[in-house]
Structure formats: C-alpha cells, structure tokens
Amino acid sequence: KDNGFLDVGFSEPYAAMEELKKDFLSQEGDILVRLSAPYTAAL
C-alpha cells in the first residue's frame, strides 16, 4: 500500500517448477521496495 503496509490478501497463487531459493522468499525483517512509482518501502 501507499502507506507502506503489506496486504497479502492481494497475493496470488504461484506454481514453481522447483523449490525456490530462500533468497526470493520474504523473511522477517526484510525491507521490500517497489521499483516503480511511488517506490514505497515496507517491512
């Protein structure tokens, strides 16, 4: 959200061909930043 909150209610199912590296899975304490406007950061 624009206020920096994560709302996983808008997440979507995703089927991967193999187990994904943990690098690409959200971890507690991660900061995610949108790479497009408005470049919101969320914890």
ModelCIF file with pLDDT and N, C-alpha, C, O atoms, coordinates in Angstrom:
data_MODEL
#
_entry.id   MODEL 
#
_entity.id                         1 
_entity.type                       polymer 
_entity.pdbx_number_of_molecules   1 
#
_entity_poly.entity_id                      1 
_entity_poly.type                           'polypeptide(L)' 
_entity_poly.nstd_linkage                   no 
_entity_poly.nstd_monomer                   no 
_entity_poly.pdbx_seq_one_letter_code       KDNGFLDVGFSEPYAAMEELKKDFLSQEGDILVRLSAPYTAAL 
_entity_poly.pdbx_seq_one_letter_code_can   KDNGFLDVGFSEPYAAMEELKKDFLSQEGDILVRLSAPYTAAL 
_entity_poly.pdbx_strand_id                 A 
#
loop_
_entity_poly_seq.entity_id 
_entity_poly_seq.num 
_entity_poly_seq.mon_id 
_entity_poly_seq.hetero 
1 1  LYS n 
1 2  ASP n 
1 3  ASN n 
1 4  GLY n 
1 5  PHE n 
1 6  LEU n 
1 7  ASP n 
1 8  VAL n 
1 9  GLY n 
1 10 PHE n 
1 11 SER n 
1 12 GLU n 
1 13 PRO n 
1 14 TYR n 
1 15 ALA n 
1 16 ALA n 
1 17 MET n 
1 18 GLU n 
1 19 GLU n 
1 20 LEU n 
1 21 LYS n 
1 22 LYS n 
1 23 ASP n 
1 24 PHE n 
1 25 LEU n 
1 26 SER n 
1 27 GLN n 
1 28 GLU n 
1 29 GLY n 
1 30 ASP n 
1 31 ILE n 
1 32 LEU n 
1 33 VAL n 
1 34 ARG n 
1 35 LEU n 
1 36 SER n 
1 37 ALA n 
1 38 PRO n 
1 39 TYR n 
1 40 THR n 
1 41 ALA n 
1 42 ALA n 
1 43 LEU n 
#
_struct_asym.id          A 
_struct_asym.entity_id   1 
#
loop_
_ma_qa_metric.id 
_ma_qa_metric.mode 
_ma_qa_metric.name 
_ma_qa_metric.software_group_id 
_ma_qa_metric.type 
1 global pLDDT . pLDDT 
2 local  pLDDT . pLDDT 
#
_ma_qa_metric_global.metric_id      1 
_ma_qa_metric_global.metric_value   93.28 
_ma_qa_metric_global.model_id       1 
_ma_qa_metric_global.ordinal_id     1 
#
loop_
_ma_qa_metric_local.label_asym_id 
_ma_qa_metric_local.label_comp_id 
_ma_qa_metric_local.label_seq_id 
_ma_qa_metric_local.metric_id 
_ma_qa_metric_local.metric_value 
_ma_qa_metric_local.model_id 
_ma_qa_metric_local.ordinal_id 
A LYS 1  2 87.00 1 1  
A ASP 2  2 82.00 1 2  
A ASN 3  2 83.00 1 3  
A GLY 4  2 87.00 1 4  
A PHE 5  2 88.00 1 5  
A LEU 6  2 91.00 1 6  
A ASP 7  2 91.00 1 7  
A VAL 8  2 93.00 1 8  
A GLY 9  2 93.00 1 9  
A PHE 10 2 94.00 1 10 
A SER 11 2 96.00 1 11 
A GLU 12 2 96.00 1 12 
A PRO 13 2 95.00 1 13 
A TYR 14 2 94.00 1 14 
A ALA 15 2 93.00 1 15 
A ALA 16 2 93.00 1 16 
A MET 17 2 90.00 1 17 
A GLU 18 2 89.00 1 18 
A GLU 19 2 92.00 1 19 
A LEU 20 2 94.00 1 20 
A LYS 21 2 94.00 1 21 
A LYS 22 2 94.00 1 22 
A ASP 23 2 95.00 1 23 
A PHE 24 2 97.00 1 24 
A LEU 25 2 97.00 1 25 
A SER 26 2 97.00 1 26 
A GLN 27 2 96.00 1 27 
A GLU 28 2 96.00 1 28 
A GLY 29 2 96.00 1 29 
A ASP 30 2 97.00 1 30 
A ILE 31 2 97.00 1 31 
A LEU 32 2 97.00 1 32 
A VAL 33 2 97.00 1 33 
A ARG 34 2 95.00 1 34 
A LEU 35 2 95.00 1 35 
A SER 36 2 93.00 1 36 
A ALA 37 2 91.00 1 37 
A PRO 38 2 91.00 1 38 
A TYR 39 2 94.00 1 39 
A THR 40 2 94.00 1 40 
A ALA 41 2 96.00 1 41 
A ALA 42 2 96.00 1 42 
A LEU 43 2 95.00 1 43 
#
loop_
_atom_site.group_PDB 
_atom_site.id 
_atom_site.type_symbol 
_atom_site.label_atom_id 
_atom_site.label_alt_id 
_atom_site.label_comp_id 
_atom_site.label_asym_id 
_atom_site.label_entity_id 
_atom_site.label_seq_id 
_atom_site.pdbx_PDB_ins_code 
_atom_site.Cartn_x 
_atom_site.Cartn_y 
_atom_site.Cartn_z 
_atom_site.occupancy 
_atom_site.B_iso_or_equiv 
_atom_site.pdbx_formal_charge 
_atom_site.auth_seq_id 
_atom_site.auth_comp_id 
_atom_site.auth_asym_id 
_atom_site.auth_atom_id 
_atom_site.pdbx_PDB_model_num 
ATOM 1   N N  . LYS A 1 1  ? 0.826  -1.201  0.000   1.00 87.00 ? 1  LYS A N  1 
ATOM 2   C CA . LYS A 1 1  ? 0.000  0.000   0.000   1.00 87.00 ? 1  LYS A CA 1 
ATOM 3   C C  . LYS A 1 1  ? 0.866  1.259   0.000   1.00 87.00 ? 1  LYS A C  1 
ATOM 4   O O  . LYS A 1 1  ? 2.047  1.222   0.344   1.00 87.00 ? 1  LYS A O  1 
ATOM 5   N N  . ASP A 1 2  ? 0.255  2.363   -0.390  1.00 82.00 ? 2  ASP A N  1 
ATOM 6   C CA . ASP A 1 2  ? 0.995  3.628   -0.425  1.00 82.00 ? 2  ASP A CA 1 
ATOM 7   C C  . ASP A 1 2  ? 1.515  4.031   0.955   1.00 82.00 ? 2  ASP A C  1 
ATOM 8   O O  . ASP A 1 2  ? 2.509  4.748   1.070   1.00 82.00 ? 2  ASP A O  1 
ATOM 9   N N  . ASN A 1 3  ? 0.826  3.557   2.002   1.00 83.00 ? 3  ASN A N  1 
ATOM 10  C CA . ASN A 1 3  ? 1.269  3.901   3.359   1.00 83.00 ? 3  ASN A CA 1 
ATOM 11  C C  . ASN A 1 3  ? 2.363  2.960   3.865   1.00 83.00 ? 3  ASN A C  1 
ATOM 12  O O  . ASN A 1 3  ? 2.839  3.101   4.991   1.00 83.00 ? 3  ASN A O  1 
ATOM 13  N N  . GLY A 1 4  ? 2.759  1.993   3.016   1.00 87.00 ? 4  GLY A N  1 
ATOM 14  C CA . GLY A 1 4  ? 3.865  1.124   3.390   1.00 87.00 ? 4  GLY A CA 1 
ATOM 15  C C  . GLY A 1 4  ? 3.486  -0.156  4.092   1.00 87.00 ? 4  GLY A C  1 
ATOM 16  O O  . GLY A 1 4  ? 4.354  -0.842  4.631   1.00 87.00 ? 4  GLY A O  1 
ATOM 17  N N  . PHE A 1 5  ? 2.207  -0.496  4.100   1.00 88.00 ? 5  PHE A N  1 
ATOM 18  C CA . PHE A 1 5  ? 1.779  -1.748  4.712   1.00 88.00 ? 5  PHE A CA 1 
ATOM 19  C C  . PHE A 1 5  ? 1.675  -2.839  3.653   1.00 88.00 ? 5  PHE A C  1 
ATOM 20  O O  . PHE A 1 5  ? 1.321  -2.579  2.503   1.00 88.00 ? 5  PHE A O  1 
ATOM 21  N N  . LEU A 1 6  ? 1.993  -4.066  4.066   1.00 91.00 ? 6  LEU A N  1 
ATOM 22  C CA . LEU A 1 6  ? 1.836  -5.204  3.178   1.00 91.00 ? 6  LEU A CA 1 
ATOM 23  C C  . LEU A 1 6  ? 0.487  -5.856  3.428   1.00 91.00 ? 6  LEU A C  1 
ATOM 24  O O  . LEU A 1 6  ? 0.161  -6.203  4.563   1.00 91.00 ? 6  LEU A O  1 
ATOM 25  N N  . ASP A 1 7  ? -0.289 -6.020  2.379   1.00 91.00 ? 7  ASP A N  1 
ATOM 26  C CA . ASP A 1 7  ? -1.589 -6.665  2.459   1.00 91.00 ? 7  ASP A CA 1 
ATOM 27  C C  . ASP A 1 7  ? -1.539 -7.915  1.592   1.00 91.00 ? 7  ASP A C  1 
ATOM 28  O O  . ASP A 1 7  ? -1.717 -7.847  0.376   1.00 91.00 ? 7  ASP A O  1 
ATOM 29  N N  . VAL A 1 8  ? -1.291 -9.065  2.234   1.00 93.00 ? 8  VAL A N  1 
ATOM 30  C CA . VAL A 1 8  ? -1.130 -10.300 1.474   1.00 93.00 ? 8  VAL A CA 1 
ATOM 31  C C  . VAL A 1 8  ? -2.464 -10.847 0.970   1.00 93.00 ? 8  VAL A C  1 
ATOM 32  O O  . VAL A 1 8  ? -2.509 -11.882 0.306   1.00 93.00 ? 8  VAL A O  1 
ATOM 33  N N  . GLY A 1 9  ? -3.537 -10.148 1.291   1.00 93.00 ? 9  GLY A N  1 
ATOM 34  C CA . GLY A 1 9  ? -4.835 -10.532 0.742   1.00 93.00 ? 9  GLY A CA 1 
ATOM 35  C C  . GLY A 1 9  ? -4.873 -10.390 -0.765  1.00 93.00 ? 9  GLY A C  1 
ATOM 36  O O  . GLY A 1 9  ? -5.724 -10.977 -1.432  1.00 93.00 ? 9  GLY A O  1 
ATOM 37  N N  . PHE A 1 10 ? -3.944 -9.605  -1.303  1.00 94.00 ? 10 PHE A N  1 
ATOM 38  C CA . PHE A 1 10 ? -3.860 -9.418  -2.748  1.00 94.00 ? 10 PHE A CA 1 
ATOM 39  C C  . PHE A 1 10 ? -2.781 -10.303 -3.381  1.00 94.00 ? 10 PHE A C  1 
ATOM 40  O O  . PHE A 1 10 ? -2.470 -10.155 -4.563  1.00 94.00 ? 10 PHE A O  1 
ATOM 41  N N  . SER A 1 11 ? -2.213 -11.221 -2.595  1.00 96.00 ? 11 SER A N  1 
ATOM 42  C CA . SER A 1 11 ? -1.218 -12.136 -3.159  1.00 96.00 ? 11 SER A CA 1 
ATOM 43  C C  . SER A 1 11 ? -1.922 -13.142 -4.067  1.00 96.00 ? 11 SER A C  1 
ATOM 44  O O  . SER A 1 11 ? -3.135 -13.335 -3.980  1.00 96.00 ? 11 SER A O  1 
ATOM 45  N N  . GLU A 1 12 ? -1.148 -13.774 -4.931  1.00 96.00 ? 12 GLU A N  1 
ATOM 46  C CA . GLU A 1 12 ? -1.716 -14.698 -5.915  1.00 96.00 ? 12 GLU A CA 1 
ATOM 47  C C  . GLU A 1 12 ? -1.027 -16.058 -5.825  1.00 96.00 ? 12 GLU A C  1 
ATOM 48  O O  . GLU A 1 12 ? 0.138  -16.133 -5.434  1.00 96.00 ? 12 GLU A O  1 
ATOM 49  N N  . PRO A 1 13 ? -1.735 -17.137 -6.185  1.00 95.00 ? 13 PRO A N  1 
ATOM 50  C CA . PRO A 1 13 ? -1.080 -18.452 -6.199  1.00 95.00 ? 13 PRO A CA 1 
ATOM 51  C C  . PRO A 1 13 ? 0.012  -18.492 -7.261  1.00 95.00 ? 13 PRO A C  1 
ATOM 52  O O  . PRO A 1 13 ? -0.117 -17.896 -8.331  1.00 95.00 ? 13 PRO A O  1 
ATOM 53  N N  . TYR A 1 14 ? 1.079  -19.201 -6.947  1.00 94.00 ? 14 TYR A N  1 
ATOM 54  C CA . TYR A 1 14 ? 2.197  -19.313 -7.891  1.00 94.00 ? 14 TYR A CA 1 
ATOM 55  C C  . TYR A 1 14 ? 2.764  -20.720 -7.810  1.00 94.00 ? 14 TYR A C  1 
ATOM 56  O O  . TYR A 1 14 ? 3.115  -21.194 -6.730  1.00 94.00 ? 14 TYR A O  1 
ATOM 57  N N  . ALA A 1 15 ? 2.854  -21.384 -8.953  1.00 93.00 ? 15 ALA A N  1 
ATOM 58  C CA . ALA A 1 15 ? 3.411  -22.737 -9.027  1.00 93.00 ? 15 ALA A CA 1 
ATOM 59  C C  . ALA A 1 15 ? 4.793  -22.658 -9.656  1.00 93.00 ? 15 ALA A C  1 
ATOM 60  O O  . ALA A 1 15 ? 4.938  -22.231 -10.801 1.00 93.00 ? 15 ALA A O  1 
ATOM 61  N N  . ALA A 1 16 ? 5.804  -23.070 -8.907  1.00 93.00 ? 16 ALA A N  1 
ATOM 62  C CA . ALA A 1 16 ? 7.176  -23.065 -9.402  1.00 93.00 ? 16 ALA A CA 1 
ATOM 63  C C  . ALA A 1 16 ? 7.562  -24.476 -9.839  1.00 93.00 ? 16 ALA A C  1 
ATOM 64  O O  . ALA A 1 16 ? 7.086  -25.462 -9.276  1.00 93.00 ? 16 ALA A O  1 
ATOM 65  N N  . MET A 1 17 ? 8.421  -24.562 -10.839 1.00 90.00 ? 17 MET A N  1 
ATOM 66  C CA . MET A 1 17 ? 8.834  -25.867 -11.367 1.00 90.00 ? 17 MET A CA 1 
ATOM 67  C C  . MET A 1 17 ? 9.760  -26.611 -10.406 1.00 90.00 ? 17 MET A C  1 
ATOM 68  O O  . MET A 1 17 ? 10.025 -27.801 -10.578 1.00 90.00 ? 17 MET A O  1 
ATOM 69  N N  . GLU A 1 18 ? 10.254 -25.889 -9.382  1.00 89.00 ? 18 GLU A N  1 
ATOM 70  C CA . GLU A 1 18 ? 11.144 -26.497 -8.397  1.00 89.00 ? 18 GLU A CA 1 
ATOM 71  C C  . GLU A 1 18 ? 11.089 -25.673 -7.120  1.00 89.00 ? 18 GLU A C  1 
ATOM 72  O O  . GLU A 1 18 ? 10.519 -24.583 -7.096  1.00 89.00 ? 18 GLU A O  1 
ATOM 73  N N  . GLU A 1 19 ? 11.680 -26.197 -6.073  1.00 92.00 ? 19 GLU A N  1 
ATOM 74  C CA . GLU A 1 19 ? 11.724 -25.441 -4.820  1.00 92.00 ? 19 GLU A CA 1 
ATOM 75  C C  . GLU A 1 19 ? 12.580 -24.199 -5.012  1.00 92.00 ? 19 GLU A C  1 
ATOM 76  O O  . GLU A 1 19 ? 13.690 -24.274 -5.539  1.00 92.00 ? 19 GLU A O  1 
ATOM 77  N N  . LEU A 1 20 ? 12.062 -23.064 -4.585  1.00 94.00 ? 20 LEU A N  1 
ATOM 78  C CA . LEU A 1 20 ? 12.761 -21.796 -4.774  1.00 94.00 ? 20 LEU A CA 1 
ATOM 79  C C  . LEU A 1 20 ? 13.774 -21.546 -3.662  1.00 94.00 ? 20 LEU A C  1 
ATOM 80  O O  . LEU A 1 20 ? 13.616 -22.006 -2.531  1.00 94.00 ? 20 LEU A O  1 
ATOM 81  N N  . LYS A 1 21 ? 14.824 -20.801 -4.022  1.00 94.00 ? 21 LYS A N  1 
ATOM 82  C CA . LYS A 1 21 ? 15.804 -20.402 -3.018  1.00 94.00 ? 21 LYS A CA 1 
ATOM 83  C C  . LYS A 1 21 ? 15.140 -19.473 -2.003  1.00 94.00 ? 21 LYS A C  1 
ATOM 84  O O  . LYS A 1 21 ? 14.270 -18.674 -2.350  1.00 94.00 ? 21 LYS A O  1 
ATOM 85  N N  . LYS A 1 22 ? 15.559 -19.589 -0.763  1.00 94.00 ? 22 LYS A N  1 
ATOM 86  C CA . LYS A 1 22 ? 15.004 -18.731 0.285   1.00 94.00 ? 22 LYS A CA 1 
ATOM 87  C C  . LYS A 1 22 ? 15.308 -17.261 0.033   1.00 94.00 ? 22 LYS A C  1 
ATOM 88  O O  . LYS A 1 22 ? 14.642 -16.380 0.575   1.00 94.00 ? 22 LYS A O  1 
ATOM 89  N N  . ASP A 1 23 ? 16.323 -17.002 -0.796  1.00 95.00 ? 23 ASP A N  1 
ATOM 90  C CA . ASP A 1 23 ? 16.667 -15.619 -1.132  1.00 95.00 ? 23 ASP A CA 1 
ATOM 91  C C  . ASP A 1 23 ? 15.477 -14.864 -1.693  1.00 95.00 ? 23 ASP A C  1 
ATOM 92  O O  . ASP A 1 23 ? 15.349 -13.654 -1.501  1.00 95.00 ? 23 ASP A O  1 
ATOM 93  N N  . PHE A 1 24 ? 14.595 -15.593 -2.397  1.00 97.00 ? 24 PHE A N  1 
ATOM 94  C CA . PHE A 1 24 ? 13.464 -14.956 -3.069  1.00 97.00 ? 24 PHE A CA 1 
ATOM 95  C C  . PHE A 1 24 ? 12.156 -15.043 -2.279  1.00 97.00 ? 24 PHE A C  1 
ATOM 96  O O  . PHE A 1 24 ? 11.107 -14.607 -2.753  1.00 97.00 ? 24 PHE A O  1 
ATOM 97  N N  . LEU A 1 25 ? 12.228 -15.605 -1.080  1.00 97.00 ? 25 LEU A N  1 
ATOM 98  C CA . LEU A 1 25 ? 11.045 -15.701 -0.229  1.00 97.00 ? 25 LEU A CA 1 
ATOM 99  C C  . LEU A 1 25 ? 11.159 -14.674 0.893   1.00 97.00 ? 25 LEU A C  1 
ATOM 100 O O  . LEU A 1 25 ? 12.233 -14.470 1.459   1.00 97.00 ? 25 LEU A O  1 
ATOM 101 N N  . SER A 1 26 ? 10.050 -14.040 1.199   1.00 97.00 ? 26 SER A N  1 
ATOM 102 C CA . SER A 1 26 ? 10.059 -12.996 2.229   1.00 97.00 ? 26 SER A CA 1 
ATOM 103 C C  . SER A 1 26 ? 10.486 -13.567 3.578   1.00 97.00 ? 26 SER A C  1 
ATOM 104 O O  . SER A 1 26 ? 10.040 -14.640 3.984   1.00 97.00 ? 26 SER A O  1 
ATOM 105 N N  . GLN A 1 27 ? 11.347 -12.840 4.255   1.00 96.00 ? 27 GLN A N  1 
ATOM 106 C CA . GLN A 1 27 ? 11.823 -13.217 5.583   1.00 96.00 ? 27 GLN A CA 1 
ATOM 107 C C  . GLN A 1 27 ? 11.579 -12.075 6.558   1.00 96.00 ? 27 GLN A C  1 
ATOM 108 O O  . GLN A 1 27 ? 11.569 -10.904 6.177   1.00 96.00 ? 27 GLN A O  1 
ATOM 109 N N  . GLU A 1 28 ? 11.384 -12.432 7.808   1.00 96.00 ? 28 GLU A N  1 
ATOM 110 C CA . GLU A 1 28 ? 11.147 -11.403 8.824   1.00 96.00 ? 28 GLU A CA 1 
ATOM 111 C C  . GLU A 1 28 ? 12.300 -10.414 8.855   1.00 96.00 ? 28 GLU A C  1 
ATOM 112 O O  . GLU A 1 28 ? 13.465 -10.808 8.914   1.00 96.00 ? 28 GLU A O  1 
ATOM 113 N N  . GLY A 1 29 ? 11.973 -9.140  8.817   1.00 96.00 ? 29 GLY A N  1 
ATOM 114 C CA . GLY A 1 29 ? 12.990 -8.099  8.839   1.00 96.00 ? 29 GLY A CA 1 
ATOM 115 C C  . GLY A 1 29 ? 13.395 -7.619  7.458   1.00 96.00 ? 29 GLY A C  1 
ATOM 116 O O  . GLY A 1 29 ? 14.115 -6.629  7.333   1.00 96.00 ? 29 GLY A O  1 
ATOM 117 N N  . ASP A 1 30 ? 12.939 -8.312  6.415   1.00 97.00 ? 30 ASP A N  1 
ATOM 118 C CA . ASP A 1 30 ? 13.221 -7.838  5.056   1.00 97.00 ? 30 ASP A CA 1 
ATOM 119 C C  . ASP A 1 30 ? 12.539 -6.497  4.811   1.00 97.00 ? 30 ASP A C  1 
ATOM 120 O O  . ASP A 1 30 ? 11.461 -6.219  5.337   1.00 97.00 ? 30 ASP A O  1 
ATOM 121 N N  . ILE A 1 31 ? 13.192 -5.684  4.007   1.00 97.00 ? 31 ILE A N  1 
ATOM 122 C CA . ILE A 1 31 ? 12.561 -4.446  3.542   1.00 97.00 ? 31 ILE A CA 1 
ATOM 123 C C  . ILE A 1 31 ? 12.341 -4.605  2.039   1.00 97.00 ? 31 ILE A C  1 
ATOM 124 O O  . ILE A 1 31 ? 13.285 -4.845  1.287   1.00 97.00 ? 31 ILE A O  1 
ATOM 125 N N  . LEU A 1 32 ? 11.103 -4.470  1.616   1.00 97.00 ? 32 LEU A N  1 
ATOM 126 C CA . LEU A 1 32 ? 10.760 -4.573  0.202   1.00 97.00 ? 32 LEU A CA 1 
ATOM 127 C C  . LEU A 1 32 ? 10.481 -3.169  -0.317  1.00 97.00 ? 32 LEU A C  1 
ATOM 128 O O  . LEU A 1 32 ? 9.754  -2.397  0.309   1.00 97.00 ? 32 LEU A O  1 
ATOM 129 N N  . VAL A 1 33 ? 11.062 -2.847  -1.463  1.00 97.00 ? 33 VAL A N  1 
ATOM 130 C CA . VAL A 1 33 ? 10.869 -1.527  -2.051  1.00 97.00 ? 33 VAL A CA 1 
ATOM 131 C C  . VAL A 1 33 ? 10.354 -1.687  -3.468  1.00 97.00 ? 33 VAL A C  1 
ATOM 132 O O  . VAL A 1 33 ? 10.953 -2.396  -4.276  1.00 97.00 ? 33 VAL A O  1 
ATOM 133 N N  . ARG A 1 34 ? 9.256  -1.035  -3.765  1.00 95.00 ? 34 ARG A N  1 
ATOM 134 C CA . ARG A 1 34 ? 8.754  -1.034  -5.143  1.00 95.00 ? 34 ARG A CA 1 
ATOM 135 C C  . ARG A 1 34 ? 9.784  -0.393  -6.061  1.00 95.00 ? 34 ARG A C  1 
ATOM 136 O O  . ARG A 1 34 ? 10.345 0.656   -5.743  1.00 95.00 ? 34 ARG A O  1 
ATOM 137 N N  . LEU A 1 35 ? 10.027 -1.028  -7.195  1.00 95.00 ? 35 LEU A N  1 
ATOM 138 C CA . LEU A 1 35 ? 10.978 -0.475  -8.155  1.00 95.00 ? 35 LEU A CA 1 
ATOM 139 C C  . LEU A 1 35 ? 10.293 0.409   -9.185  1.00 95.00 ? 35 LEU A C  1 
ATOM 140 O O  . LEU A 1 35 ? 10.910 0.841   -10.158 1.00 95.00 ? 35 LEU A O  1 
ATOM 141 N N  . SER A 1 36 ? 9.010  0.672   -8.961  1.00 93.00 ? 36 SER A N  1 
ATOM 142 C CA . SER A 1 36 ? 8.265  1.615   -9.803  1.00 93.00 ? 36 SER A CA 1 
ATOM 143 C C  . SER A 1 36 ? 7.540  2.581   -8.880  1.00 93.00 ? 36 SER A C  1 
ATOM 144 O O  . SER A 1 36 ? 7.374  2.313   -7.690  1.00 93.00 ? 36 SER A O  1 
ATOM 145 N N  . ALA A 1 37 ? 7.110  3.708   -9.438  1.00 91.00 ? 37 ALA A N  1 
ATOM 146 C CA . ALA A 1 37 ? 6.429  4.737   -8.633  1.00 91.00 ? 37 ALA A CA 1 
ATOM 147 C C  . ALA A 1 37 ? 5.239  4.128   -7.907  1.00 91.00 ? 37 ALA A C  1 
ATOM 148 O O  . ALA A 1 37 ? 4.513  3.330   -8.499  1.00 91.00 ? 37 ALA A O  1 
ATOM 149 N N  . PRO A 1 38 ? 5.014  4.482   -6.632  1.00 91.00 ? 38 PRO A N  1 
ATOM 150 C CA . PRO A 1 38 ? 5.685  5.546   -5.864  1.00 91.00 ? 38 PRO A CA 1 
ATOM 151 C C  . PRO A 1 38 ? 6.885  5.088   -5.027  1.00 91.00 ? 38 PRO A C  1 
ATOM 152 O O  . PRO A 1 38 ? 7.255  5.764   -4.067  1.00 91.00 ? 38 PRO A O  1 
ATOM 153 N N  . TYR A 1 39 ? 7.493  3.959   -5.375  1.00 94.00 ? 39 TYR A N  1 
ATOM 154 C CA . TYR A 1 39 ? 8.720  3.484   -4.724  1.00 94.00 ? 39 TYR A CA 1 
ATOM 155 C C  . TYR A 1 39 ? 8.547  3.302   -3.213  1.00 94.00 ? 39 TYR A C  1 
ATOM 156 O O  . TYR A 1 39 ? 9.411  3.670   -2.417  1.00 94.00 ? 39 TYR A O  1 
ATOM 157 N N  . THR A 1 40 ? 7.413  2.727   -2.854  1.00 94.00 ? 40 THR A N  1 
ATOM 158 C CA . THR A 1 40 ? 7.077  2.533   -1.447  1.00 94.00 ? 40 THR A CA 1 
ATOM 159 C C  . THR A 1 40 ? 7.937  1.440   -0.820  1.00 94.00 ? 40 THR A C  1 
ATOM 160 O O  . THR A 1 40 ? 8.216  0.417   -1.446  1.00 94.00 ? 40 THR A O  1 
ATOM 161 N N  . ALA A 1 41 ? 8.353  1.670   0.420   1.00 96.00 ? 41 ALA A N  1 
ATOM 162 C CA . ALA A 1 41 ? 9.136  0.686   1.174   1.00 96.00 ? 41 ALA A CA 1 
ATOM 163 C C  . ALA A 1 41 ? 8.268  0.106   2.285   1.00 96.00 ? 41 ALA A C  1 
ATOM 164 O O  . ALA A 1 41 ? 7.528  0.830   2.951   1.00 96.00 ? 41 ALA A O  1 
ATOM 165 N N  . ALA A 1 42 ? 8.366  -1.207  2.476   1.00 96.00 ? 42 ALA A N  1 
ATOM 166 C CA . ALA A 1 42 ? 7.576  -1.876  3.500   1.00 96.00 ? 42 ALA A CA 1 
ATOM 167 C C  . ALA A 1 42 ? 8.434  -2.905  4.222   1.00 96.00 ? 42 ALA A C  1 
ATOM 168 O O  . ALA A 1 42 ? 9.367  -3.470  3.651   1.00 96.00 ? 42 ALA A O  1 
ATOM 169 N N  . LEU A 1 43 ? 8.100  -3.137  5.488   1.00 95.00 ? 43 LEU A N  1 
ATOM 170 C CA . LEU A 1 43 ? 8.841  -4.090  6.315   1.00 95.00 ? 43 LEU A CA 1 
ATOM 171 C C  . LEU A 1 43 ? 8.051  -5.395  6.418   1.00 95.00 ? 43 LEU A C  1 
ATOM 172 O O  . LEU A 1 43 ? 8.498  -6.338  7.072   1.00 95.00 ? 43 LEU A O  1 
#
